[in-house]
């Protein structure tokens, strides 16, 4: 969310060729893709909360959400870096911090690979990590 919100605020006043960069199709496309990833992740997490409240949440549900949302997060912050161009790697524009944070979360959340193995075992009935 932070990367998206920062990019939206950046794209509105930032001028290029005499108009805000938010006016350009490719910038709008990046913002829409980012918002789509965020909305999908939020919806998935909301559903997990409902399942937990109902007592139906299983490990594979949480693992699917972790794997899916962390991949989407990395993709989203990558688009944020792209949207800011050269400014996307400068500390004062925050996006580099979002990229670094996303890498940590991607790795620390049990790693995407382990989460996919948990889900894979559930859907195939075969454990690939015995």
Protein backbone atom coordinates (compact mmCIF):
# COMPACT_ATOMS: atom_id res chain seq x y z
CA UNK A 1 0.00 0.00 0.00
CA UNK A 2 2.77 2.42 0.88
CA UNK A 3 4.50 2.03 -2.47
CA UNK A 4 1.23 2.54 -4.35
CA UNK A 5 0.18 5.53 -2.26
CA UNK A 6 3.59 7.11 -2.68
CA UNK A 7 3.52 6.59 -6.45
CA UNK A 8 0.05 8.06 -6.77
CA UNK A 9 1.11 11.17 -4.85
CA UNK A 10 4.28 11.36 -6.96
CA UNK A 11 2.48 10.97 -10.31
CA UNK A 12 -0.04 13.74 -9.74
CA UNK A 13 2.29 16.77 -9.39
CA UNK A 14 5.39 15.40 -11.19
CA UNK A 15 5.63 17.15 -14.56
CA UNK A 16 7.09 15.74 -17.75
CA UNK A 17 6.65 17.39 -21.16
CA UNK A 18 4.43 20.03 -19.61
CA UNK A 19 1.87 17.82 -17.87
CA UNK A 20 1.64 15.51 -14.83
CA UNK A 21 3.07 12.04 -15.46
CA UNK A 22 -0.19 10.65 -14.06
CA UNK A 23 -1.73 11.85 -17.31
CA UNK A 24 0.21 9.26 -19.33
CA UNK A 25 -1.25 5.88 -20.20
CA UNK A 26 1.74 3.79 -19.11
CA UNK A 27 1.88 5.50 -15.71
CA UNK A 28 -1.84 4.92 -15.24
CA UNK A 29 -1.35 1.30 -16.26
CA UNK A 30 1.33 0.81 -13.59
CA UNK A 31 -0.91 2.37 -10.95
CA UNK A 32 -3.83 0.14 -11.98
CA UNK A 33 -1.66 -3.00 -11.88
CA UNK A 34 -0.37 -2.03 -8.44
CA UNK A 35 -3.89 -1.39 -7.14
CA UNK A 36 -5.06 -4.71 -8.59
CA UNK A 37 -2.34 -6.62 -6.73
CA UNK A 38 -3.11 -4.79 -3.51
CA UNK A 39 -6.85 -5.37 -3.79
CA UNK A 40 -6.37 -9.08 -4.54
CA UNK A 41 -4.03 -9.48 -1.56
CA UNK A 42 -6.38 -7.61 0.78
CA UNK A 43 -9.33 -9.67 -0.37
CA UNK A 44 -7.44 -12.91 0.15
CA UNK A 45 -6.36 -11.88 3.64
CA UNK A 46 -9.90 -10.78 4.50
CA UNK A 47 -11.17 -14.20 3.45
CA UNK A 48 -8.53 -15.92 5.59
CA UNK A 49 -9.77 -13.91 8.56
CA UNK A 50 -13.30 -15.11 7.91
CA UNK A 51 -12.07 -18.69 7.67
CA UNK A 52 -10.14 -18.34 10.92
CA UNK A 53 -13.21 -16.97 12.66
CA UNK A 54 -15.23 -19.91 11.33
CA UNK A 55 -12.59 -22.42 12.44
CA UNK A 56 -11.96 -23.66 8.87
CA UNK A 57 -8.54 -22.12 8.23
CA UNK A 58 -5.85 -24.71 7.43
CA UNK A 59 -2.09 -24.39 7.01
CA UNK A 60 -2.36 -24.67 3.25
CA UNK A 61 -4.77 -21.73 3.12
CA UNK A 62 -2.34 -19.50 5.00
CA UNK A 63 0.57 -20.78 2.91
CA UNK A 64 -1.25 -20.02 -0.34
CA UNK A 65 -1.94 -16.49 0.87
CA UNK A 66 1.68 -15.98 1.94
CA UNK A 67 3.05 -17.26 -1.37
CA UNK A 68 0.58 -15.29 -3.49
CA UNK A 69 0.68 -12.01 -1.62
CA UNK A 70 4.46 -11.86 -1.27
CA UNK A 71 4.93 -12.44 -4.99
CA UNK A 72 2.36 -9.72 -5.70
CA UNK A 73 4.10 -7.42 -3.25
CA UNK A 74 7.46 -7.82 -5.01
CA UNK A 75 5.80 -7.18 -8.34
CA UNK A 76 4.01 -4.11 -7.00
CA UNK A 77 7.11 -2.49 -5.53
CA UNK A 78 8.97 -3.27 -8.76
CA UNK A 79 6.33 -1.32 -10.66
CA UNK A 80 6.66 1.48 -8.12
CA UNK A 81 10.38 1.64 -8.78
CA UNK A 82 9.67 1.67 -12.51
CA UNK A 83 7.10 4.43 -12.21
CA UNK A 84 9.56 6.72 -10.43
CA UNK A 85 12.27 6.05 -13.01
CA UNK A 86 15.69 7.15 -11.78
CA UNK A 87 14.13 8.60 -8.65
CA UNK A 88 12.98 5.09 -7.72
CA UNK A 89 16.44 4.14 -6.48
CA UNK A 90 16.99 7.27 -4.39
CA UNK A 91 16.45 6.94 -0.64
CA UNK A 92 14.59 10.25 -0.36
CA UNK A 93 11.79 8.89 -2.58
CA UNK A 94 11.16 5.86 -0.30
CA UNK A 95 10.60 3.30 -3.06
CA UNK A 96 14.04 1.73 -2.61
CA UNK A 97 13.09 1.13 1.03
CA UNK A 98 9.83 -0.51 -0.07
CA UNK A 99 11.80 -2.77 -2.43
CA UNK A 100 14.23 -3.76 0.33
CA UNK A 101 11.41 -4.36 2.79
CA UNK A 102 9.56 -6.53 0.28
CA UNK A 103 12.62 -8.72 -0.20
CA UNK A 104 12.87 -9.28 3.54
CA UNK A 105 9.18 -10.17 3.86
CA UNK A 106 9.36 -12.43 0.79
CA UNK A 107 12.18 -14.40 2.41
CA UNK A 108 11.16 -14.29 6.08
CA UNK A 109 7.57 -15.41 5.70
CA UNK A 110 8.62 -19.05 5.48
CA UNK A 111 9.89 -18.41 1.96
CA UNK A 112 7.67 -18.64 -1.04
CA UNK A 113 9.15 -21.99 -1.96
CA UNK A 114 8.23 -23.64 1.35
CA UNK A 115 4.74 -22.20 1.20
CA UNK A 116 4.25 -23.56 -2.32
CA UNK A 117 5.38 -27.00 -1.13
CA UNK A 118 2.79 -26.92 1.65
CA UNK A 119 0.06 -26.00 -0.84
CA UNK A 120 1.39 -28.47 -3.41
CA UNK A 121 1.18 -31.31 -0.86
CA UNK A 122 -2.39 -30.34 -0.09
CA UNK A 123 -3.59 -30.24 -3.69
CA UNK A 124 -1.67 -33.28 -5.01
CA UNK A 125 -1.55 -35.49 -1.95
CA UNK A 126 2.22 -35.88 -2.43
CA UNK A 127 4.85 -34.40 -0.17
CA UNK A 128 7.81 -33.08 -2.15
CA UNK A 129 9.82 -32.34 1.00
CA UNK A 130 9.90 -35.66 2.85
